């Protein structure tokens, strides 16, 4: 697993429907009804290699969300062709991709290196193992979590925060909405662009377009 897979995915042609987020490549297709979403899901499930890739679909009224991998570092070259094939099926069914609805919410649990307790969090949440430092909802409904090393010199404050990963062209809108709702920007990062916000009580959340906003500049 490496960054090369998701970088090549971002650079590929024919994957305009897809947003690369913390949880991998995601496409959201809007359809007229839940019944139409179910029909589209059945057609997508028949795409060669879809089931073997461990892809995931979730249906709601008038919408089908397709995830090609549960983690961004698990994206590989075959996922590009799989994404193109899924997009072709969606177009044939009259579905419209909506990049603004694609998002990934994850919980970062911070602890000092000797106190990282990933097993506890998997057990209490009923989550599966994806990588050594995280866990994912086997139903595909709940937020993923990952363990973050905490500097031993820092006091154990704000030991958890929420990460929100969105499409690069929607990050500014999400930030503006959060600030308008009473949030404040605590810190801003440039590479990749991200913002740490806090509510009135000081609870923190990070809004970022990583990695969707990366890999689109030559040389990176």
N, C-alpha and C. Protein backbone atom coordinates (compact mmCIF):
# COMPACT_ATOMS: atom_id res chain seq x y z
N UNK A 1 0.84 -1.19 0.00
CA UNK A 1 0.00 0.00 0.00
C UNK A 1 0.88 1.25 0.00
N UNK A 2 0.52 2.25 -0.80
CA UNK A 2 1.30 3.48 -0.88
C UNK A 2 0.42 4.58 -1.42
N UNK A 3 1.03 5.75 -1.57
CA UNK A 3 0.30 6.88 -2.13
C UNK A 3 0.16 6.77 -3.65
N UNK A 4 0.94 5.91 -4.30
CA UNK A 4 0.95 5.89 -5.76
C UNK A 4 -0.40 5.53 -6.34
N UNK A 5 -1.14 4.63 -5.69
CA UNK A 5 -2.43 4.22 -6.22
C UNK A 5 -3.41 5.37 -6.30
N UNK A 6 -3.59 6.11 -5.20
CA UNK A 6 -4.57 7.20 -5.25
C UNK A 6 -4.08 8.36 -6.10
N UNK A 7 -2.77 8.56 -6.16
CA UNK A 7 -2.27 9.63 -7.04
C UNK A 7 -2.55 9.31 -8.51
N UNK A 8 -2.33 8.06 -8.90
CA UNK A 8 -2.62 7.67 -10.29
C UNK A 8 -4.11 7.74 -10.57
N UNK A 9 -4.92 7.42 -9.57
CA UNK A 9 -6.37 7.52 -9.75
C UNK A 9 -6.76 8.97 -10.03
N UNK A 10 -6.24 9.90 -9.26
CA UNK A 10 -6.57 11.31 -9.46
C UNK A 10 -6.13 11.83 -10.82
N UNK A 11 -5.04 11.28 -11.32
CA UNK A 11 -4.50 11.74 -12.60
C UNK A 11 -5.15 11.08 -13.81
N UNK A 12 -5.97 10.05 -13.58
CA UNK A 12 -6.55 9.28 -14.68
C UNK A 12 -7.69 10.04 -15.36
N UNK A 13 -7.91 9.72 -16.62
CA UNK A 13 -9.05 10.25 -17.37
C UNK A 13 -10.26 9.34 -17.14
N UNK A 14 -11.44 9.92 -17.28
CA UNK A 14 -12.66 9.14 -17.22
C UNK A 14 -13.15 8.81 -15.83
N UNK A 15 -12.60 9.48 -14.81
CA UNK A 15 -13.05 9.22 -13.43
C UNK A 15 -13.59 10.51 -12.80
N UNK A 16 -14.18 11.35 -13.64
CA UNK A 16 -14.65 12.65 -13.16
C UNK A 16 -15.79 12.55 -12.15
N UNK A 17 -16.50 11.41 -12.14
CA UNK A 17 -17.58 11.22 -11.17
C UNK A 17 -17.06 11.03 -9.75
N UNK A 18 -15.79 10.67 -9.62
CA UNK A 18 -15.27 10.14 -8.36
C UNK A 18 -14.50 11.17 -7.56
N UNK A 19 -14.66 11.08 -6.25
CA UNK A 19 -13.94 11.91 -5.29
C UNK A 19 -13.06 10.99 -4.46
N UNK A 20 -11.78 11.33 -4.33
CA UNK A 20 -10.86 10.51 -3.53
C UNK A 20 -10.78 11.10 -2.13
N UNK A 21 -11.29 10.36 -1.16
CA UNK A 21 -11.37 10.83 0.22
C UNK A 21 -10.56 9.91 1.13
N UNK A 22 -10.66 10.15 2.45
CA UNK A 22 -9.95 9.29 3.40
C UNK A 22 -10.27 7.82 3.17
N UNK A 23 -11.54 7.54 2.85
CA UNK A 23 -11.97 6.16 2.71
C UNK A 23 -11.84 5.60 1.31
N UNK A 24 -11.08 6.27 0.44
CA UNK A 24 -10.91 5.78 -0.92
C UNK A 24 -11.72 6.56 -1.92
N UNK A 25 -11.98 5.97 -3.08
CA UNK A 25 -12.71 6.63 -4.16
C UNK A 25 -14.21 6.44 -3.97
N UNK A 26 -14.93 7.55 -4.02
CA UNK A 26 -16.37 7.55 -3.75
C UNK A 26 -17.10 8.27 -4.89
N UNK A 27 -18.23 7.71 -5.32
CA UNK A 27 -19.10 8.38 -6.28
C UNK A 27 -20.53 8.32 -5.74
N UNK A 28 -21.23 9.44 -5.84
CA UNK A 28 -22.62 9.50 -5.41
C UNK A 28 -23.48 9.77 -6.63
N UNK A 29 -24.44 8.89 -6.90
CA UNK A 29 -25.31 9.03 -8.07
C UNK A 29 -26.73 9.34 -7.61
N UNK A 30 -27.28 10.38 -8.22
CA UNK A 30 -28.64 10.81 -7.89
C UNK A 30 -29.61 10.20 -8.90
N UNK A 31 -30.66 9.59 -8.38
CA UNK A 31 -31.69 8.95 -9.20
C UNK A 31 -33.06 9.36 -8.67
N UNK A 32 -34.13 9.10 -9.40
CA UNK A 32 -35.45 9.61 -9.00
C UNK A 32 -36.03 8.99 -7.73
N UNK A 33 -35.62 7.77 -7.37
CA UNK A 33 -36.29 7.10 -6.26
C UNK A 33 -35.39 6.02 -5.67
N UNK A 34 -35.82 5.49 -4.53
CA UNK A 34 -35.11 4.38 -3.93
C UNK A 34 -35.15 3.15 -4.83
N UNK A 35 -36.27 2.94 -5.49
CA UNK A 35 -36.37 1.80 -6.41
C UNK A 35 -35.36 1.92 -7.54
N UNK A 36 -35.20 3.13 -8.05
CA UNK A 36 -34.20 3.34 -9.12
C UNK A 36 -32.79 3.13 -8.59
N UNK A 37 -32.56 3.56 -7.35
CA UNK A 37 -31.25 3.35 -6.74
C UNK A 37 -30.95 1.86 -6.61
N UNK A 38 -31.97 1.08 -6.24
CA UNK A 38 -31.80 -0.36 -6.11
C UNK A 38 -31.51 -1.01 -7.46
N UNK A 39 -32.21 -0.55 -8.50
CA UNK A 39 -31.95 -1.10 -9.84
C UNK A 39 -30.54 -0.76 -10.31
N UNK A 40 -30.11 0.47 -10.02
CA UNK A 40 -28.76 0.85 -10.41
C UNK A 40 -27.74 0.03 -9.63
N UNK A 41 -27.99 -0.18 -8.34
CA UNK A 41 -27.07 -0.98 -7.53
C UNK A 41 -26.94 -2.39 -8.07
N UNK A 42 -28.04 -2.97 -8.51
CA UNK A 42 -28.00 -4.32 -9.07
C UNK A 42 -27.15 -4.35 -10.32
N UNK A 43 -27.28 -3.32 -11.15
CA UNK A 43 -26.48 -3.27 -12.38
C UNK A 43 -25.01 -3.06 -12.07
N UNK A 44 -24.71 -2.20 -11.10
CA UNK A 44 -23.31 -1.96 -10.73
C UNK A 44 -22.69 -3.23 -10.17
N UNK A 45 -23.46 -3.98 -9.39
CA UNK A 45 -22.94 -5.21 -8.79
C UNK A 45 -22.52 -6.23 -9.85
N UNK A 46 -23.08 -6.11 -11.05
CA UNK A 46 -22.73 -7.04 -12.13
C UNK A 46 -21.50 -6.60 -12.92
N UNK A 47 -20.94 -5.44 -12.61
CA UNK A 47 -19.72 -4.99 -13.29
C UNK A 47 -18.60 -5.99 -12.97
N UNK A 48 -17.91 -6.51 -13.97
CA UNK A 48 -16.84 -7.48 -13.71
C UNK A 48 -15.80 -6.95 -12.74
N UNK A 49 -15.52 -7.73 -11.72
CA UNK A 49 -14.50 -7.37 -10.75
C UNK A 49 -15.00 -6.53 -9.59
N UNK A 50 -16.26 -6.09 -9.64
CA UNK A 50 -16.75 -5.20 -8.59
C UNK A 50 -16.79 -5.90 -7.23
N UNK A 51 -17.38 -7.07 -7.20
CA UNK A 51 -17.51 -7.78 -5.92
C UNK A 51 -16.15 -8.21 -5.40
N UNK A 52 -15.27 -8.66 -6.30
CA UNK A 52 -13.95 -9.13 -5.89
C UNK A 52 -13.10 -8.00 -5.33
N UNK A 53 -13.37 -6.77 -5.74
CA UNK A 53 -12.59 -5.62 -5.27
C UNK A 53 -12.94 -5.23 -3.85
N UNK A 54 -13.99 -5.81 -3.29
CA UNK A 54 -14.40 -5.43 -1.94
C UNK A 54 -15.10 -4.09 -1.90
N UNK A 55 -15.71 -3.70 -3.03
CA UNK A 55 -16.41 -2.42 -3.10
C UNK A 55 -17.67 -2.46 -2.24
N UNK A 56 -18.19 -1.27 -1.97
CA UNK A 56 -19.32 -1.13 -1.05
C UNK A 56 -20.33 -0.17 -1.63
N UNK A 57 -21.62 -0.47 -1.47
CA UNK A 57 -22.68 0.43 -1.91
C UNK A 57 -23.64 0.68 -0.77
N UNK A 58 -24.15 1.92 -0.69
CA UNK A 58 -25.21 2.26 0.26
C UNK A 58 -26.31 2.99 -0.50
N UNK A 59 -27.55 2.64 -0.16
CA UNK A 59 -28.71 3.21 -0.85
C UNK A 59 -29.52 4.06 0.12
N UNK A 60 -29.97 5.20 -0.37
CA UNK A 60 -30.97 6.00 0.33
C UNK A 60 -31.99 6.43 -0.71
N UNK A 61 -33.03 7.10 -0.28
CA UNK A 61 -34.03 7.53 -1.24
C UNK A 61 -33.45 8.45 -2.30
N UNK A 62 -33.44 7.99 -3.53
CA UNK A 62 -32.96 8.82 -4.63
C UNK A 62 -31.47 8.96 -4.74
N UNK A 63 -30.71 8.06 -4.11
CA UNK A 63 -29.26 8.21 -4.15
C UNK A 63 -28.57 6.86 -3.96
N UNK A 64 -27.50 6.64 -4.73
CA UNK A 64 -26.65 5.47 -4.56
C UNK A 64 -25.22 5.95 -4.37
N UNK A 65 -24.60 5.52 -3.27
CA UNK A 65 -23.20 5.83 -3.02
C UNK A 65 -22.36 4.58 -3.26
N UNK A 66 -21.30 4.73 -4.04
CA UNK A 66 -20.42 3.61 -4.37
C UNK A 66 -19.02 3.93 -3.86
N UNK A 67 -18.46 3.02 -3.09
CA UNK A 67 -17.09 3.14 -2.61
C UNK A 67 -16.28 1.97 -3.18
N UNK A 68 -15.17 2.29 -3.79
CA UNK A 68 -14.37 1.25 -4.42
C UNK A 68 -13.41 0.58 -3.45
N UNK A 69 -13.06 1.25 -2.38
CA UNK A 69 -12.16 0.68 -1.37
C UNK A 69 -12.49 1.33 -0.04
N UNK A 70 -12.21 0.65 1.05
CA UNK A 70 -12.53 1.21 2.36
C UNK A 70 -11.45 2.16 2.87
N UNK A 71 -10.29 2.18 2.23
CA UNK A 71 -9.21 3.06 2.65
C UNK A 71 -8.47 3.62 1.45
N UNK A 72 -8.02 4.87 1.55
CA UNK A 72 -7.40 5.53 0.40
C UNK A 72 -6.11 4.83 -0.03
N UNK A 73 -5.37 4.28 0.91
CA UNK A 73 -4.10 3.65 0.54
C UNK A 73 -4.29 2.27 -0.06
N UNK A 74 -5.54 1.83 -0.19
CA UNK A 74 -5.83 0.55 -0.84
C UNK A 74 -6.27 0.72 -2.29
N UNK A 75 -6.27 1.96 -2.77
CA UNK A 75 -6.58 2.18 -4.19
C UNK A 75 -5.41 1.69 -5.04
N UNK A 76 -5.74 0.92 -6.08
CA UNK A 76 -4.73 0.36 -6.97
C UNK A 76 -5.14 0.63 -8.41
N UNK A 77 -4.25 0.33 -9.34
CA UNK A 77 -4.50 0.63 -10.75
C UNK A 77 -5.80 0.02 -11.27
N UNK A 78 -6.16 -1.24 -10.91
CA UNK A 78 -7.42 -1.79 -11.43
C UNK A 78 -8.66 -0.99 -11.01
N UNK A 79 -8.57 -0.21 -9.96
CA UNK A 79 -9.72 0.58 -9.54
C UNK A 79 -10.08 1.66 -10.55
N UNK A 80 -9.12 2.09 -11.34
CA UNK A 80 -9.42 3.11 -12.37
C UNK A 80 -10.39 2.54 -13.39
N UNK A 81 -10.11 1.35 -13.90
CA UNK A 81 -11.00 0.74 -14.87
C UNK A 81 -12.35 0.41 -14.25
N UNK A 82 -12.32 0.00 -12.99
CA UNK A 82 -13.57 -0.31 -12.30
C UNK A 82 -14.42 0.96 -12.16
N UNK A 83 -13.80 2.07 -11.83
CA UNK A 83 -14.52 3.34 -11.72
C UNK A 83 -15.14 3.74 -13.05
N UNK A 84 -14.38 3.60 -14.12
CA UNK A 84 -14.91 3.94 -15.45
C UNK A 84 -16.10 3.06 -15.80
N UNK A 85 -16.01 1.78 -15.47
CA UNK A 85 -17.10 0.86 -15.80
C UNK A 85 -18.36 1.19 -15.00
N UNK A 86 -18.19 1.53 -13.71
CA UNK A 86 -19.34 1.91 -12.89
C UNK A 86 -19.98 3.18 -13.42
N UNK A 87 -19.15 4.15 -13.80
CA UNK A 87 -19.67 5.40 -14.35
C UNK A 87 -20.46 5.17 -15.63
N UNK A 88 -19.98 4.25 -16.47
CA UNK A 88 -20.69 3.94 -17.71
C UNK A 88 -22.06 3.33 -17.43
N UNK A 89 -22.12 2.45 -16.43
CA UNK A 89 -23.40 1.84 -16.05
C UNK A 89 -24.35 2.92 -15.52
N UNK A 90 -23.82 3.82 -14.70
CA UNK A 90 -24.65 4.88 -14.15
C UNK A 90 -25.23 5.77 -15.24
N UNK A 91 -24.40 6.12 -16.21
CA UNK A 91 -24.88 6.96 -17.32
C UNK A 91 -25.97 6.23 -18.10
N UNK A 92 -25.79 4.94 -18.33
CA UNK A 92 -26.78 4.16 -19.08
C UNK A 92 -28.12 4.13 -18.36
N UNK A 93 -28.10 4.28 -17.03
CA UNK A 93 -29.33 4.29 -16.25
C UNK A 93 -29.86 5.70 -16.00
N UNK A 94 -29.22 6.68 -16.60
CA UNK A 94 -29.68 8.06 -16.44
C UNK A 94 -29.34 8.68 -15.10
N UNK A 95 -28.43 8.06 -14.34
CA UNK A 95 -28.05 8.60 -13.03
C UNK A 95 -27.07 9.76 -13.21
N UNK A 96 -27.11 10.70 -12.30
CA UNK A 96 -26.25 11.88 -12.37
C UNK A 96 -25.31 11.88 -11.17
N UNK A 97 -24.01 12.01 -11.43
CA UNK A 97 -23.03 12.06 -10.35
C UNK A 97 -23.11 13.41 -9.64
N UNK A 98 -23.02 13.38 -8.32
CA UNK A 98 -23.09 14.60 -7.52
C UNK A 98 -21.88 14.59 -6.58
N UNK A 99 -20.78 15.21 -7.01
CA UNK A 99 -19.55 15.20 -6.21
C UNK A 99 -19.73 15.91 -4.87
N UNK A 100 -20.62 16.89 -4.82
CA UNK A 100 -20.81 17.62 -3.58
C UNK A 100 -21.40 16.80 -2.45
N UNK A 101 -22.02 15.66 -2.78
CA UNK A 101 -22.60 14.80 -1.74
C UNK A 101 -21.61 13.76 -1.22
N UNK A 102 -20.46 13.68 -1.84
CA UNK A 102 -19.46 12.70 -1.41
C UNK A 102 -18.69 13.25 -0.22
N UNK A 103 -18.64 12.48 0.85
CA UNK A 103 -17.86 12.90 2.00
C UNK A 103 -17.49 11.68 2.82
N UNK A 104 -16.48 11.84 3.65
CA UNK A 104 -16.04 10.78 4.55
C UNK A 104 -15.81 11.42 5.91
N UNK A 105 -16.48 10.92 6.93
CA UNK A 105 -16.31 11.42 8.29
C UNK A 105 -15.60 10.35 9.10
N UNK A 106 -14.50 10.73 9.73
CA UNK A 106 -13.76 9.76 10.55
C UNK A 106 -13.42 10.38 11.89
N UNK A 107 -13.20 9.52 12.86
CA UNK A 107 -12.87 9.95 14.22
C UNK A 107 -11.41 9.65 14.49
N UNK A 108 -10.66 10.68 14.84
CA UNK A 108 -9.25 10.51 15.21
C UNK A 108 -9.15 10.41 16.73
N UNK A 109 -8.64 9.31 17.22
CA UNK A 109 -8.49 9.07 18.65
C UNK A 109 -7.01 9.20 18.99
N UNK A 110 -6.68 10.23 19.75
CA UNK A 110 -5.28 10.51 20.04
C UNK A 110 -4.86 9.93 21.38
N UNK A 111 -3.64 9.43 21.44
CA UNK A 111 -3.08 8.91 22.67
C UNK A 111 -1.56 8.91 22.54
N UNK A 112 -0.90 8.86 23.68
CA UNK A 112 0.55 8.73 23.65
C UNK A 112 0.90 7.37 23.05
N UNK A 113 2.06 7.27 22.38
CA UNK A 113 2.38 6.04 21.63
C UNK A 113 2.20 4.76 22.42
N UNK A 114 2.58 4.75 23.70
CA UNK A 114 2.47 3.52 24.49
C UNK A 114 1.05 3.24 24.95
N UNK A 115 0.12 4.18 24.68
CA UNK A 115 -1.25 4.01 25.13
C UNK A 115 -2.25 3.87 23.99
N UNK A 116 -1.76 3.74 22.75
CA UNK A 116 -2.66 3.55 21.62
C UNK A 116 -3.42 2.23 21.81
N UNK A 117 -4.74 2.32 21.83
CA UNK A 117 -5.56 1.16 22.22
C UNK A 117 -6.56 0.83 21.11
N UNK A 118 -6.03 0.50 19.93
CA UNK A 118 -6.89 0.27 18.78
C UNK A 118 -7.82 -0.91 19.00
N UNK A 119 -7.37 -1.93 19.73
CA UNK A 119 -8.20 -3.10 19.98
C UNK A 119 -9.45 -2.76 20.77
N UNK A 120 -9.31 -1.87 21.75
CA UNK A 120 -10.47 -1.45 22.53
C UNK A 120 -11.51 -0.79 21.64
N UNK A 121 -11.08 0.11 20.78
CA UNK A 121 -12.03 0.84 19.95
C UNK A 121 -12.71 -0.07 18.94
N UNK A 122 -11.98 -1.03 18.40
CA UNK A 122 -12.63 -1.99 17.50
C UNK A 122 -13.68 -2.80 18.25
N UNK A 123 -13.33 -3.21 19.47
CA UNK A 123 -14.25 -4.05 20.24
C UNK A 123 -15.50 -3.29 20.65
N UNK A 124 -15.34 -2.07 21.16
CA UNK A 124 -16.49 -1.36 21.68
C UNK A 124 -17.41 -0.87 20.56
N UNK A 125 -16.85 -0.61 19.39
CA UNK A 125 -17.65 -0.17 18.25
C UNK A 125 -18.16 -1.33 17.40
N UNK A 126 -17.59 -2.53 17.60
CA UNK A 126 -17.96 -3.66 16.75
C UNK A 126 -17.42 -3.51 15.34
N UNK A 127 -16.23 -2.93 15.22
CA UNK A 127 -15.65 -2.62 13.91
C UNK A 127 -14.67 -3.70 13.45
N UNK A 128 -14.45 -3.73 12.15
CA UNK A 128 -13.47 -4.63 11.54
C UNK A 128 -12.12 -3.93 11.41
N UNK A 129 -11.08 -4.75 11.26
CA UNK A 129 -9.74 -4.23 11.04
C UNK A 129 -9.54 -3.92 9.57
N UNK A 130 -9.07 -2.72 9.28
CA UNK A 130 -8.67 -2.39 7.92
C UNK A 130 -7.15 -2.34 7.85
N UNK A 131 -6.55 -1.47 8.67
CA UNK A 131 -5.11 -1.41 8.82
C UNK A 131 -4.77 -1.48 10.30
N UNK A 132 -3.48 -1.50 10.61
CA UNK A 132 -3.06 -1.73 11.99
C UNK A 132 -3.52 -0.64 12.95
N UNK A 133 -3.81 0.56 12.44
CA UNK A 133 -4.11 1.68 13.33
C UNK A 133 -5.53 2.21 13.18
N UNK A 134 -6.43 1.40 12.60
CA UNK A 134 -7.78 1.92 12.40
C UNK A 134 -8.83 0.82 12.46
N UNK A 135 -10.07 1.22 12.23
CA UNK A 135 -11.18 0.28 12.18
C UNK A 135 -12.29 0.86 11.33
N UNK A 136 -13.09 -0.01 10.72
CA UNK A 136 -14.19 0.43 9.86
C UNK A 136 -15.47 -0.32 10.21
N UNK A 137 -16.57 0.37 10.04
CA UNK A 137 -17.89 -0.21 10.28
C UNK A 137 -18.15 -1.31 9.26
N UNK A 138 -18.39 -2.54 9.68
CA UNK A 138 -18.64 -3.61 8.71
C UNK A 138 -19.89 -3.38 7.88
N UNK A 139 -20.83 -2.57 8.39
CA UNK A 139 -22.05 -2.26 7.63
C UNK A 139 -21.84 -1.11 6.65
N UNK A 140 -20.73 -0.39 6.80
CA UNK A 140 -20.49 0.74 5.92
C UNK A 140 -21.29 1.97 6.24
N UNK A 141 -21.91 2.01 7.42
CA UNK A 141 -22.75 3.14 7.79
C UNK A 141 -22.04 4.14 8.68
N UNK A 142 -21.32 3.64 9.69
CA UNK A 142 -20.69 4.53 10.67
C UNK A 142 -19.36 5.07 10.19
N UNK A 143 -18.90 6.10 10.90
CA UNK A 143 -17.62 6.71 10.59
C UNK A 143 -16.48 5.75 10.93
N UNK A 144 -15.42 5.80 10.13
CA UNK A 144 -14.21 5.06 10.46
C UNK A 144 -13.51 5.75 11.62
N UNK A 145 -12.57 5.05 12.26
CA UNK A 145 -11.73 5.71 13.26
C UNK A 145 -10.29 5.34 13.00
N UNK A 146 -9.38 6.21 13.45
CA UNK A 146 -7.96 5.93 13.33
C UNK A 146 -7.25 6.49 14.55
N UNK A 147 -6.11 5.87 14.89
CA UNK A 147 -5.35 6.24 16.07
C UNK A 147 -4.26 7.24 15.68
N UNK A 148 -4.16 8.29 16.46
CA UNK A 148 -3.19 9.34 16.20
C UNK A 148 -2.22 9.44 17.38
N UNK A 149 -0.92 9.37 17.08
CA UNK A 149 0.08 9.53 18.14
C UNK A 149 0.00 10.93 18.73
N UNK A 150 0.02 11.01 20.04
CA UNK A 150 0.02 12.28 20.74
C UNK A 150 1.42 12.54 21.28
N UNK A 151 1.92 13.73 21.07
CA UNK A 151 3.22 14.12 21.60
C UNK A 151 3.23 13.92 23.11
N UNK A 152 4.16 13.10 23.63
CA UNK A 152 4.17 12.85 25.08
C UNK A 152 4.29 14.12 25.91
N UNK A 153 4.83 15.18 25.32
CA UNK A 153 5.01 16.42 26.07
C UNK A 153 3.73 17.24 26.16
N UNK A 154 2.75 16.88 25.35
CA UNK A 154 1.51 17.66 25.35
C UNK A 154 0.55 17.12 26.40
N UNK A 155 -0.21 18.01 27.03
CA UNK A 155 -1.24 17.54 27.96
C UNK A 155 -2.35 16.84 27.19
N UNK A 156 -3.02 15.91 27.85
CA UNK A 156 -4.06 15.12 27.19
C UNK A 156 -5.35 15.92 27.14
N UNK A 157 -5.38 16.89 26.21
CA UNK A 157 -6.57 17.70 25.99
C UNK A 157 -6.99 17.53 24.52
N UNK A 158 -8.28 17.59 24.28
CA UNK A 158 -8.80 17.41 22.93
C UNK A 158 -8.21 16.14 22.32
N UNK A 159 -8.34 15.04 23.06
CA UNK A 159 -7.72 13.79 22.63
C UNK A 159 -8.49 13.11 21.50
N UNK A 160 -9.63 13.65 21.15
CA UNK A 160 -10.37 13.17 19.99
C UNK A 160 -10.76 14.36 19.13
N UNK A 161 -10.80 14.14 17.84
CA UNK A 161 -11.38 15.15 16.94
C UNK A 161 -11.97 14.44 15.74
N UNK A 162 -12.85 15.13 15.05
CA UNK A 162 -13.51 14.59 13.87
C UNK A 162 -12.82 15.12 12.62
N UNK A 163 -12.59 14.24 11.65
CA UNK A 163 -12.06 14.64 10.34
C UNK A 163 -13.19 14.56 9.31
N UNK A 164 -13.35 15.61 8.53
CA UNK A 164 -14.35 15.63 7.46
C UNK A 164 -13.62 15.85 6.15
N UNK A 165 -13.68 14.86 5.27
CA UNK A 165 -13.02 14.92 3.97
C UNK A 165 -14.07 15.09 2.89
N UNK A 166 -13.90 16.13 2.05
CA UNK A 166 -14.88 16.45 1.01
C UNK A 166 -14.16 16.68 -0.32
N UNK A 167 -14.95 16.80 -1.38
CA UNK A 167 -14.38 17.10 -2.70
C UNK A 167 -13.70 18.46 -2.68
N UNK A 168 -12.62 18.59 -3.44
CA UNK A 168 -11.81 19.81 -3.39
C UNK A 168 -12.61 21.06 -3.72
N UNK A 169 -13.57 20.96 -4.65
CA UNK A 169 -14.31 22.16 -5.05
C UNK A 169 -15.42 22.52 -4.05
N UNK A 170 -15.59 21.70 -3.03
CA UNK A 170 -16.63 21.98 -2.04
C UNK A 170 -16.07 22.28 -0.65
N UNK A 171 -14.75 22.25 -0.51
CA UNK A 171 -14.15 22.48 0.80
C UNK A 171 -14.43 23.89 1.30
N UNK A 172 -14.30 24.89 0.45
CA UNK A 172 -14.54 26.27 0.88
C UNK A 172 -15.98 26.47 1.34
N UNK A 173 -16.92 25.87 0.63
CA UNK A 173 -18.33 26.00 1.02
C UNK A 173 -18.58 25.34 2.37
N UNK A 174 -17.97 24.19 2.61
CA UNK A 174 -18.17 23.51 3.89
C UNK A 174 -17.58 24.35 5.03
N UNK A 175 -16.41 24.94 4.78
CA UNK A 175 -15.79 25.81 5.78
C UNK A 175 -16.68 27.01 6.08
N UNK A 176 -17.17 27.65 5.04
CA UNK A 176 -18.02 28.83 5.21
C UNK A 176 -19.28 28.50 5.99
N UNK A 177 -19.87 27.34 5.70
CA UNK A 177 -21.09 26.94 6.40
C UNK A 177 -20.81 26.71 7.88
N UNK A 178 -19.67 26.11 8.18
CA UNK A 178 -19.33 25.83 9.57
C UNK A 178 -19.08 27.13 10.35
N UNK A 179 -18.41 28.08 9.73
CA UNK A 179 -18.14 29.36 10.38
C UNK A 179 -19.45 30.13 10.57
N UNK A 180 -20.31 30.11 9.55
CA UNK A 180 -21.60 30.79 9.64
C UNK A 180 -22.47 30.21 10.74
N UNK A 181 -22.26 28.93 11.06
CA UNK A 181 -23.03 28.26 12.09
C UNK A 181 -22.44 28.47 13.48
N UNK A 182 -21.41 29.30 13.59
CA UNK A 182 -20.86 29.62 14.89
C UNK A 182 -19.47 29.07 15.18
N UNK A 183 -18.89 28.33 14.21
CA UNK A 183 -17.55 27.80 14.42
C UNK A 183 -16.49 28.86 14.25
N UNK A 184 -15.29 28.56 14.72
CA UNK A 184 -14.16 29.48 14.53
C UNK A 184 -12.96 28.68 14.03
N UNK A 185 -12.17 29.31 13.18
CA UNK A 185 -10.99 28.66 12.63
C UNK A 185 -9.86 28.76 13.65
N UNK A 186 -9.34 27.61 14.05
CA UNK A 186 -8.25 27.56 15.02
C UNK A 186 -6.90 27.55 14.32
N UNK A 187 -6.83 26.84 13.19
CA UNK A 187 -5.57 26.73 12.46
C UNK A 187 -5.87 26.42 11.00
N UNK A 188 -5.01 26.90 10.13
CA UNK A 188 -5.16 26.64 8.70
C UNK A 188 -3.86 26.07 8.15
N UNK A 189 -3.98 25.04 7.33
CA UNK A 189 -2.83 24.41 6.69
C UNK A 189 -2.89 24.69 5.19
N UNK A 190 -1.72 24.74 4.56
CA UNK A 190 -1.66 25.06 3.14
C UNK A 190 -1.40 23.87 2.24
N UNK A 191 -0.70 22.85 2.72
CA UNK A 191 -0.29 21.76 1.82
C UNK A 191 -0.41 20.42 2.52
N UNK A 192 -1.54 19.73 2.40
CA UNK A 192 -2.72 20.15 1.64
C UNK A 192 -3.56 21.15 2.43
N UNK A 193 -4.42 21.87 1.74
CA UNK A 193 -5.24 22.87 2.39
C UNK A 193 -6.25 22.20 3.32
N UNK A 194 -6.28 22.67 4.56
CA UNK A 194 -7.18 22.12 5.56
C UNK A 194 -7.38 23.15 6.65
N UNK A 195 -8.47 23.00 7.37
CA UNK A 195 -8.78 23.93 8.46
C UNK A 195 -9.17 23.15 9.70
N UNK A 196 -8.64 23.56 10.84
CA UNK A 196 -9.09 23.06 12.12
C UNK A 196 -10.05 24.09 12.70
N UNK A 197 -11.28 23.65 12.98
CA UNK A 197 -12.30 24.53 13.53
C UNK A 197 -12.67 24.06 14.92
N UNK A 198 -13.28 24.96 15.68
CA UNK A 198 -13.76 24.61 17.01
C UNK A 198 -15.14 25.20 17.22
N UNK A 199 -15.94 24.49 18.01
CA UNK A 199 -17.23 25.05 18.40
C UNK A 199 -17.03 25.93 19.64
N UNK A 200 -18.11 26.44 20.20
CA UNK A 200 -17.99 27.36 21.32
C UNK A 200 -17.38 26.71 22.56
N UNK A 201 -17.54 25.39 22.66
CA UNK A 201 -16.98 24.67 23.81
C UNK A 201 -15.53 24.26 23.61
N UNK A 202 -15.02 24.48 22.40
CA UNK A 202 -13.63 24.12 22.11
C UNK A 202 -13.45 22.77 21.47
N UNK A 203 -14.54 22.03 21.18
CA UNK A 203 -14.43 20.75 20.48
C UNK A 203 -13.98 20.99 19.05
N UNK A 204 -13.07 20.17 18.58
CA UNK A 204 -12.42 20.45 17.31
C UNK A 204 -12.81 19.49 16.19
N UNK A 205 -12.73 20.01 14.97
CA UNK A 205 -13.00 19.24 13.76
C UNK A 205 -12.09 19.76 12.66
N UNK A 206 -11.61 18.85 11.84
CA UNK A 206 -10.74 19.22 10.72
C UNK A 206 -11.51 19.04 9.41
N UNK A 207 -11.54 20.08 8.59
CA UNK A 207 -12.16 20.01 7.27
C UNK A 207 -11.05 20.05 6.23
N UNK A 208 -11.06 19.08 5.34
CA UNK A 208 -9.99 18.99 4.36
C UNK A 208 -10.49 18.34 3.07
N UNK A 209 -9.81 18.63 1.98
CA UNK A 209 -10.08 17.96 0.71
C UNK A 209 -9.02 16.91 0.41
N UNK A 210 -8.24 16.55 1.43
CA UNK A 210 -7.22 15.51 1.21
C UNK A 210 -7.86 14.14 1.15
N UNK A 211 -7.45 13.31 0.20
CA UNK A 211 -6.45 13.60 -0.81
C UNK A 211 -7.02 14.09 -2.14
N UNK A 212 -8.32 14.38 -2.21
CA UNK A 212 -8.92 14.77 -3.48
C UNK A 212 -8.25 16.00 -4.07
N UNK A 213 -7.76 16.90 -3.23
CA UNK A 213 -7.10 18.10 -3.72
C UNK A 213 -5.63 17.91 -4.02
N UNK A 214 -5.12 16.71 -3.83
CA UNK A 214 -3.71 16.43 -4.10
C UNK A 214 -3.58 15.59 -5.37
N UNK A 215 -2.37 15.61 -5.90
CA UNK A 215 -2.09 14.78 -7.07
C UNK A 215 -2.58 15.37 -8.38
N UNK A 216 -3.17 16.58 -8.35
CA UNK A 216 -3.66 17.18 -9.58
C UNK A 216 -2.71 18.24 -10.10
N UNK A 217 -1.62 18.49 -9.34
CA UNK A 217 -0.60 19.45 -9.76
C UNK A 217 0.61 18.68 -10.24
N UNK A 218 1.07 18.92 -11.48
CA UNK A 218 2.21 18.18 -12.01
C UNK A 218 3.41 18.26 -11.05
N UNK A 219 4.09 17.12 -10.88
CA UNK A 219 5.26 17.10 -10.06
C UNK A 219 5.00 16.69 -8.62
N UNK A 220 3.74 16.68 -8.22
CA UNK A 220 3.41 16.28 -6.84
C UNK A 220 3.19 14.78 -6.77
